Amino acid sequence: MARLFLPMTAPPNTPVRVILDTDLGSDCDDAGAMAVLHALADRGEAEILACIYSSEKNAFGPGCIAAINHYYGRGGIPIGAARGDEVGDPRNDFLEAIACDMERYGHRIRTRDDVPDQVAVYRQALASAPDHSVKIVSIGHTKGLLALLRSGPCECSPANGRELVALKVKEWVVMGGAFPTEGHPGWNFGANGAARYSRPLVAEWPGAVVFSGYEAGSDIITGSCLLGTPDENPVKTAYRLWDNALENGRASWDQTAVLYAVRGLAEDWELRRGWCAVEDDGRTAWRRDERGPHAYLVKRRSAESLARVIGDLMARPPERRGVSLR
């Protein structure tokens, strides 16, 4: 008798399932975004399915991700990493320092050699999730996501990458571009070798996309909120070592993407709908259309108010802090 396969569906009121794709190291706001995501997970608002390190230029990114995950008591979150030496920023203010201090931070992953390839981790996490239940939050480079879209079937799923994304992903939330007009190529879409991948990725993406543009987080300054957290907090260390953003503060570009992905519009945002195309150099070009599949975030409240919300989440003590190796 033929077997009947029913679609996997998520029950209502479940935490938002998130895969975070980051180029941690290029800036400290990636670490801040991870703190926000873990705090939301502690509150029961999010479930972190996997973390992807999208930069090929620094081998220590996965170790730093692992240290942050461990600090929040989630050392078992799967981590995947980019391979190669084409895309990324080699800046190394805090990655190696945190990744290699395994005694202080208690994690057990040091470099990308200790984790699987990013596409394999993506496919495993998506295949195991209910249909239309995952939000991919990308705050890094675009090459890995395009590789996912163009991947073939594997032992986790007979679907190709485009089919798998269409079936499992509810929304792609991406920190990238500037809206409605971008004067020069931005960091995530246009810099560090990413431009050649950004254009086809946005054009080929098979579902809803929400962009958190440069303007959404550029005036939301956070960092000093971490001053009162323990010295064993790797997010605090990242902000201290990155141009002393711990005291000087830093824009919260990546945190805005995470906050929207988990909490939705709430009282924080509204959406402008339309179509986004990416030029050859990585600049975004916007066409307004109320029925378009794309949207970008516009603040509904002041930057200062959003900074307090984000700062409170960044500084929130872990519910189940990891045990160090000391």
Protein backbone atom coordinates (compact mmCIF):
# COMPACT_ATOMS: atom_id res chain seq x y z
CA MET A 1 0.00 0.00 0.00
CA ALA A 2 1.32 3.42 -0.89
CA ARG A 3 2.46 5.52 2.06
CA LEU A 4 0.79 8.89 2.56
CA PHE A 5 3.18 11.72 3.42
CA LEU A 6 1.47 14.64 5.09
CA PRO A 7 3.14 18.07 5.16
CA MET A 8 4.92 19.02 8.36
CA THR A 9 3.19 22.03 9.87
CA ALA A 10 4.02 24.13 12.90
CA PRO A 11 1.46 24.44 15.71
CA PRO A 12 0.22 27.96 16.47
CA ASN A 13 1.97 30.19 19.01
CA THR A 14 5.29 28.39 18.72
CA PRO A 15 8.61 30.25 19.01
CA VAL A 16 9.89 31.71 15.75
CA ARG A 17 12.36 29.27 14.23
CA VAL A 18 15.50 31.12 13.16
CA ILE A 19 18.64 30.29 11.22
CA LEU A 20 21.16 33.10 11.72
CA ASP A 21 23.68 33.75 8.94
CA THR A 22 26.46 36.11 10.09
CA ASP A 23 29.84 37.50 9.06
CA LEU A 24 30.76 38.05 12.72
CA GLY A 25 34.09 39.86 12.97
CA SER A 26 33.55 42.51 10.33
CA ASP A 27 31.76 44.49 13.03
CA CYS A 28 30.60 43.98 16.59
CA ASP A 29 26.89 44.44 15.86
CA ASP A 30 26.77 40.80 14.73
CA ALA A 31 27.67 39.83 18.29
CA GLY A 32 24.99 42.22 19.53
CA ALA A 33 22.47 40.57 17.21
CA MET A 34 23.38 37.16 18.60
CA ALA A 35 22.82 38.49 22.14
CA VAL A 36 19.39 39.80 21.12
CA LEU A 37 18.47 36.48 19.51
CA HIS A 38 19.54 34.46 22.54
CA ALA A 39 17.63 36.79 24.87
CA LEU A 40 14.50 36.34 22.76
CA ALA A 41 15.05 32.58 22.86
CA ASP A 42 15.33 32.76 26.65
CA ARG A 43 11.95 34.52 26.68
CA GLY A 44 10.42 31.71 24.63
CA GLU A 45 9.97 33.94 21.58
CA ALA A 46 12.56 32.27 19.33
CA GLU A 47 14.19 28.91 18.66
CA ILE A 48 17.67 28.99 17.15
CA LEU A 49 17.98 26.13 14.66
CA ALA A 50 21.50 26.82 13.41
CA CYS A 51 24.17 29.49 13.04
CA ILE A 52 26.00 29.97 9.74
CA TYR A 53 29.34 31.75 9.41
CA SER A 54 29.38 33.32 5.94
CA SER A 55 32.89 34.84 5.75
CA GLU A 56 35.68 32.94 4.06
CA LYS A 57 38.41 35.31 5.23
CA ASN A 58 38.68 34.43 8.93
CA ALA A 59 38.82 30.87 10.21
CA PHE A 60 37.96 31.84 13.80
CA GLY A 61 34.37 32.97 13.21
CA PRO A 62 32.78 29.62 14.18
CA GLY A 63 34.78 29.57 17.42
CA CYS A 64 33.48 33.00 18.39
CA ILE A 65 29.91 31.96 17.53
CA ALA A 66 30.38 28.85 19.66
CA ALA A 67 31.60 30.93 22.60
CA ILE A 68 28.51 33.15 22.45
CA ASN A 69 26.18 30.17 22.10
CA HIS A 70 27.84 28.48 25.07
CA TYR A 71 27.57 31.61 27.23
CA TYR A 72 23.82 31.49 26.71
CA GLY A 73 23.65 27.77 27.49
CA ARG A 74 23.10 26.69 23.89
CA GLY A 75 26.43 25.14 23.00
CA GLY A 76 24.70 22.43 21.00
CA ILE A 77 23.36 24.71 18.26
CA PRO A 78 24.68 23.44 14.90
CA ILE A 79 27.24 25.73 13.28
CA GLY A 80 28.17 25.70 9.60
CA ALA A 81 30.92 27.66 7.93
CA ALA A 82 31.88 28.96 4.51
CA ARG A 83 34.86 27.41 2.76
CA GLY A 84 37.27 29.13 0.38
CA ASP A 85 39.10 32.45 0.35
CA GLU A 86 37.03 34.73 -1.90
CA VAL A 87 34.32 36.46 0.12
CA GLY A 88 34.73 38.19 3.45
CA ASP A 89 36.65 40.61 5.61
CA PRO A 90 39.87 39.47 7.33
CA ARG A 91 39.45 41.98 10.19
CA ASN A 92 40.34 40.18 13.39
CA ASP A 93 39.83 42.55 16.33
CA PHE A 94 38.08 39.98 18.52
CA LEU A 95 37.40 36.72 16.67
CA GLU A 96 40.67 34.93 17.36
CA ALA A 97 40.94 36.28 20.91
CA ILE A 98 37.54 34.87 21.83
CA ALA A 99 37.70 31.67 19.76
CA CYS A 100 41.06 30.63 21.21
CA ASP A 101 40.28 31.41 24.86
CA MET A 102 38.37 28.20 25.40
CA GLU A 103 39.20 28.10 29.10
CA ARG A 104 37.54 31.45 29.76
CA TYR A 105 34.49 31.01 27.55
CA GLY A 106 33.96 27.26 27.87
CA HIS A 107 33.26 26.41 24.23
CA ARG A 108 34.78 23.51 22.28
CA ILE A 109 34.90 24.82 18.68
CA ARG A 110 37.90 26.89 17.59
CA THR A 111 37.94 27.31 13.80
CA ARG A 112 35.92 26.47 10.72
CA ASP A 113 37.84 23.19 10.51
CA ASP A 114 35.80 22.05 13.51
CA VAL A 115 32.38 22.49 11.87
CA PRO A 116 30.60 21.25 8.71
CA ASP A 117 30.10 23.19 5.50
CA GLN A 118 27.43 25.90 5.61
CA VAL A 119 25.19 24.38 2.94
CA ALA A 120 25.08 21.00 4.70
CA VAL A 121 24.01 22.65 7.96
CA TYR A 122 21.44 24.80 6.18
CA ARG A 123 19.89 21.80 4.46
CA GLN A 124 19.78 19.70 7.63
CA ALA A 125 18.14 22.47 9.66
CA LEU A 126 15.57 23.23 6.97
CA ALA A 127 14.73 19.61 6.22
CA SER A 128 14.05 18.93 9.90
CA ALA A 129 11.71 21.91 10.34
CA PRO A 130 7.96 22.10 9.72
CA ASP A 131 6.91 23.53 6.38
CA HIS A 132 6.86 27.32 6.03
CA SER A 133 8.11 27.77 9.60
CA VAL A 134 11.71 29.03 9.33
CA LYS A 135 12.98 32.58 9.16
CA ILE A 136 16.46 32.93 7.75
CA VAL A 137 18.06 36.05 9.19
CA SER A 138 21.15 36.99 7.20
CA ILE A 139 23.41 39.70 8.57
CA GLY A 140 26.45 38.71 6.55
CA HIS A 141 27.56 37.80 3.04
CA THR A 142 25.41 36.39 0.25
CA LYS A 143 27.54 33.67 -1.34
CA GLY A 144 26.45 30.89 1.00
CA LEU A 145 22.74 31.56 0.61
CA LEU A 146 23.08 31.46 -3.16
CA ALA A 147 24.95 28.15 -2.82
CA LEU A 148 22.03 26.86 -0.75
CA LEU A 149 19.53 27.91 -3.43
CA ARG A 150 21.55 26.14 -6.10
CA SER A 151 22.32 23.01 -4.08
CA GLY A 152 21.15 19.59 -5.14
CA PRO A 153 19.35 16.82 -3.25
CA CYS A 154 21.14 15.23 -0.31
CA GLU A 155 20.57 12.57 2.34
CA CYS A 156 18.55 15.08 4.38
CA SER A 157 16.08 15.92 1.60
CA PRO A 158 15.37 14.89 -2.01
CA ALA A 159 14.50 18.51 -2.80
CA ASN A 160 16.94 20.80 -4.52
CA GLY A 161 17.87 24.01 -2.76
CA ARG A 162 15.24 26.23 -4.33
CA GLU A 163 12.53 23.68 -3.60
CA LEU A 164 13.70 23.25 -0.04
CA VAL A 165 13.71 27.00 0.62
CA ALA A 166 10.27 27.42 -0.96
CA LEU A 167 8.88 24.61 1.21
CA LYS A 168 10.47 25.41 4.55
CA VAL A 169 11.26 29.14 4.72
CA LYS A 170 8.53 31.51 5.82
CA GLU A 171 10.56 34.68 5.32
CA TRP A 172 14.09 35.79 4.54
CA VAL A 173 15.02 38.79 6.68
CA VAL A 174 18.22 40.39 5.44
CA MET A 175 20.33 43.27 6.70
CA GLY A 176 21.46 44.78 3.43
CA GLY A 177 20.93 47.63 1.03
CA ALA A 178 19.60 51.12 1.69
CA PHE A 179 16.07 52.26 0.90
CA PRO A 180 14.49 53.64 -1.09
CA THR A 181 17.73 54.83 -2.76
CA GLU A 182 21.27 53.55 -2.25
CA GLY A 183 24.00 55.89 -3.41
CA HIS A 184 26.92 53.49 -3.23
CA PRO A 185 27.36 49.74 -2.66
CA GLY A 186 26.73 48.67 0.92
CA TRP A 187 28.68 46.24 3.05
CA ASN A 188 26.71 42.99 2.94
CA PHE A 189 25.60 43.16 -0.69
CA GLY A 190 28.42 45.05 -2.35
CA ALA A 191 31.69 44.72 -0.43
CA ASN A 192 34.24 41.98 0.16
CA GLY A 193 33.50 40.08 -3.06
CA ALA A 194 29.77 39.64 -2.34
CA ALA A 195 28.31 41.72 -5.19
CA ARG A 196 28.48 38.96 -7.81
CA TYR A 197 26.35 36.74 -5.57
CA SER A 198 23.92 39.33 -4.23
CA ARG A 199 22.23 40.12 -7.52
CA PRO A 200 21.24 36.55 -8.45
CA LEU A 201 20.38 35.68 -4.85
CA VAL A 202 17.73 38.40 -4.57
CA ALA A 203 16.47 37.73 -8.09
CA GLU A 204 16.16 33.97 -7.57
CA TRP A 205 14.82 33.90 -4.00
CA PRO A 206 11.50 32.00 -4.14
CA GLY A 207 9.61 33.68 -1.31
CA ALA A 208 9.03 36.74 0.84
CA VAL A 209 11.98 39.02 1.63
CA VAL A 210 12.17 41.82 4.19
CA PHE A 211 15.17 44.13 4.03
CA SER A 212 16.52 45.94 7.05
CA GLY A 213 18.46 48.63 5.25
CA TYR A 214 21.40 50.71 6.38
CA GLU A 215 19.08 53.49 7.47
CA ALA A 216 17.04 51.24 9.77
CA GLY A 217 19.81 50.77 12.33
CA SER A 218 22.39 53.48 11.64
CA ASP A 219 21.10 55.83 14.36
CA ILE A 220 20.22 53.15 16.93
CA ILE A 221 23.34 53.23 19.11
CA THR A 222 24.04 50.43 21.60
CA GLY A 223 27.08 49.01 23.39
CA SER A 224 27.28 50.65 26.80
CA CYS A 225 24.38 48.44 27.88
CA LEU A 226 26.94 45.62 28.18
CA LEU A 227 29.16 47.40 30.72
CA GLY A 228 27.44 45.75 33.67
CA THR A 229 27.49 42.22 32.25
CA PRO A 230 30.11 39.65 33.39
CA ASP A 231 33.62 39.78 31.96
CA GLU A 232 33.08 36.19 30.77
CA ASN A 233 30.43 37.48 28.37
CA PRO A 234 32.02 37.14 24.90
CA VAL A 235 29.63 39.72 23.46
CA LYS A 236 31.00 42.25 25.96
CA THR A 237 34.53 41.30 24.90
CA ALA A 238 33.64 41.75 21.21
CA TYR A 239 32.35 45.27 21.83
CA ARG A 240 35.34 46.16 23.98
CA LEU A 241 37.88 44.99 21.39
CA TRP A 242 36.08 46.48 18.37
CA ASP A 243 37.13 50.14 18.59
CA ASN A 244 35.98 50.17 22.24
CA ALA A 245 32.34 50.15 21.15
CA LEU A 246 31.61 49.03 24.70
CA GLU A 247 31.93 52.66 25.77
CA ASN A 248 31.75 54.51 22.46
CA GLY A 249 28.70 52.67 21.15
CA ARG A 250 27.97 51.25 17.72
CA ALA A 251 25.07 51.33 15.28
CA SER A 252 22.62 48.43 15.63
CA TRP A 253 22.19 47.39 12.00
CA ASP A 254 22.11 43.66 12.58
CA GLN A 255 20.01 43.80 15.73
CA THR A 256 17.15 45.42 13.81
CA ALA A 257 16.91 42.41 11.49
CA VAL A 258 16.75 39.98 14.42
CA LEU A 259 14.23 42.08 16.35
CA TYR A 260 11.86 42.27 13.38
CA ALA A 261 12.30 38.61 12.43
CA VAL A 262 11.21 37.42 15.86
CA ARG A 263 8.71 40.05 17.00
CA GLY A 264 7.37 41.20 13.68
CA LEU A 265 6.18 44.76 13.19
CA ALA A 266 4.78 45.23 16.72
CA GLU A 267 4.99 48.95 17.54
CA ASP A 268 8.50 49.16 16.15
CA TRP A 269 8.22 49.01 12.36
CA GLU A 270 6.10 49.41 9.31
CA LEU A 271 6.78 47.96 5.87
CA ARG A 272 7.13 49.55 2.45
CA ARG A 273 6.32 46.93 -0.17
CA GLY A 274 7.71 46.58 -3.66
CA TRP A 275 10.50 45.00 -5.67
CA CYS A 276 14.22 45.13 -4.94
CA ALA A 277 16.84 44.49 -7.59
CA VAL A 278 20.57 44.44 -6.93
CA GLU A 279 22.88 46.08 -9.41
CA ASP A 280 26.14 44.51 -10.59
CA ASP A 281 28.10 46.49 -8.00
CA GLY A 282 25.81 45.47 -5.14
CA ARG A 283 23.66 48.61 -4.89
CA THR A 284 19.98 48.07 -4.27
CA ALA A 285 17.39 49.60 -6.62
CA TRP A 286 13.82 49.88 -5.33
CA ARG A 287 10.49 49.94 -7.16
CA ARG A 288 7.38 50.56 -5.09
CA ASP A 289 4.52 48.10 -5.53
CA GLU A 290 1.96 47.36 -2.82
CA ARG A 291 1.66 43.79 -4.12
CA GLY A 292 5.39 43.19 -4.45
CA PRO A 293 7.12 40.23 -2.75
CA HIS A 294 9.74 42.44 -1.10
CA ALA A 295 9.54 45.00 1.69
CA TYR A 296 11.86 47.18 3.73
CA LEU A 297 11.63 48.30 7.35
CA VAL A 298 10.73 51.84 8.38
CA LYS A 299 10.92 52.87 12.04
CA ARG A 300 7.64 53.67 13.80
CA ARG A 301 9.28 54.85 17.00
CA SER A 302 12.37 56.89 17.79
CA ALA A 303 15.90 55.55 17.48
CA GLU A 304 16.41 56.22 21.20
CA SER A 305 13.39 54.10 22.11
CA LEU A 306 14.53 51.23 19.90
CA ALA A 307 18.02 51.51 21.38
CA ARG A 308 16.54 50.92 24.83
CA VAL A 309 14.62 47.86 23.64
CA ILE A 310 17.65 46.38 21.89
CA GLY A 311 20.03 47.34 24.69
CA ASP A 312 17.85 45.69 27.33
CA LEU A 313 17.84 42.46 25.31
CA MET A 314 21.60 42.60 24.70
CA ALA A 315 22.28 42.99 28.42
CA ARG A 316 19.72 40.41 29.60
CA PRO A 317 21.40 37.73 31.77
CA PRO A 318 21.29 34.24 30.25
CA GLU A 319 18.57 31.97 31.62
CA ARG A 320 20.83 28.92 31.43
CA ARG A 321 24.39 30.17 31.28
CA GLY A 322 26.96 27.64 30.09
CA VAL A 323 29.49 26.15 32.49
CA SER A 324 33.09 27.12 31.72
CA LEU A 325 35.92 24.62 31.52
CA ARG A 326 37.82 26.21 34.39
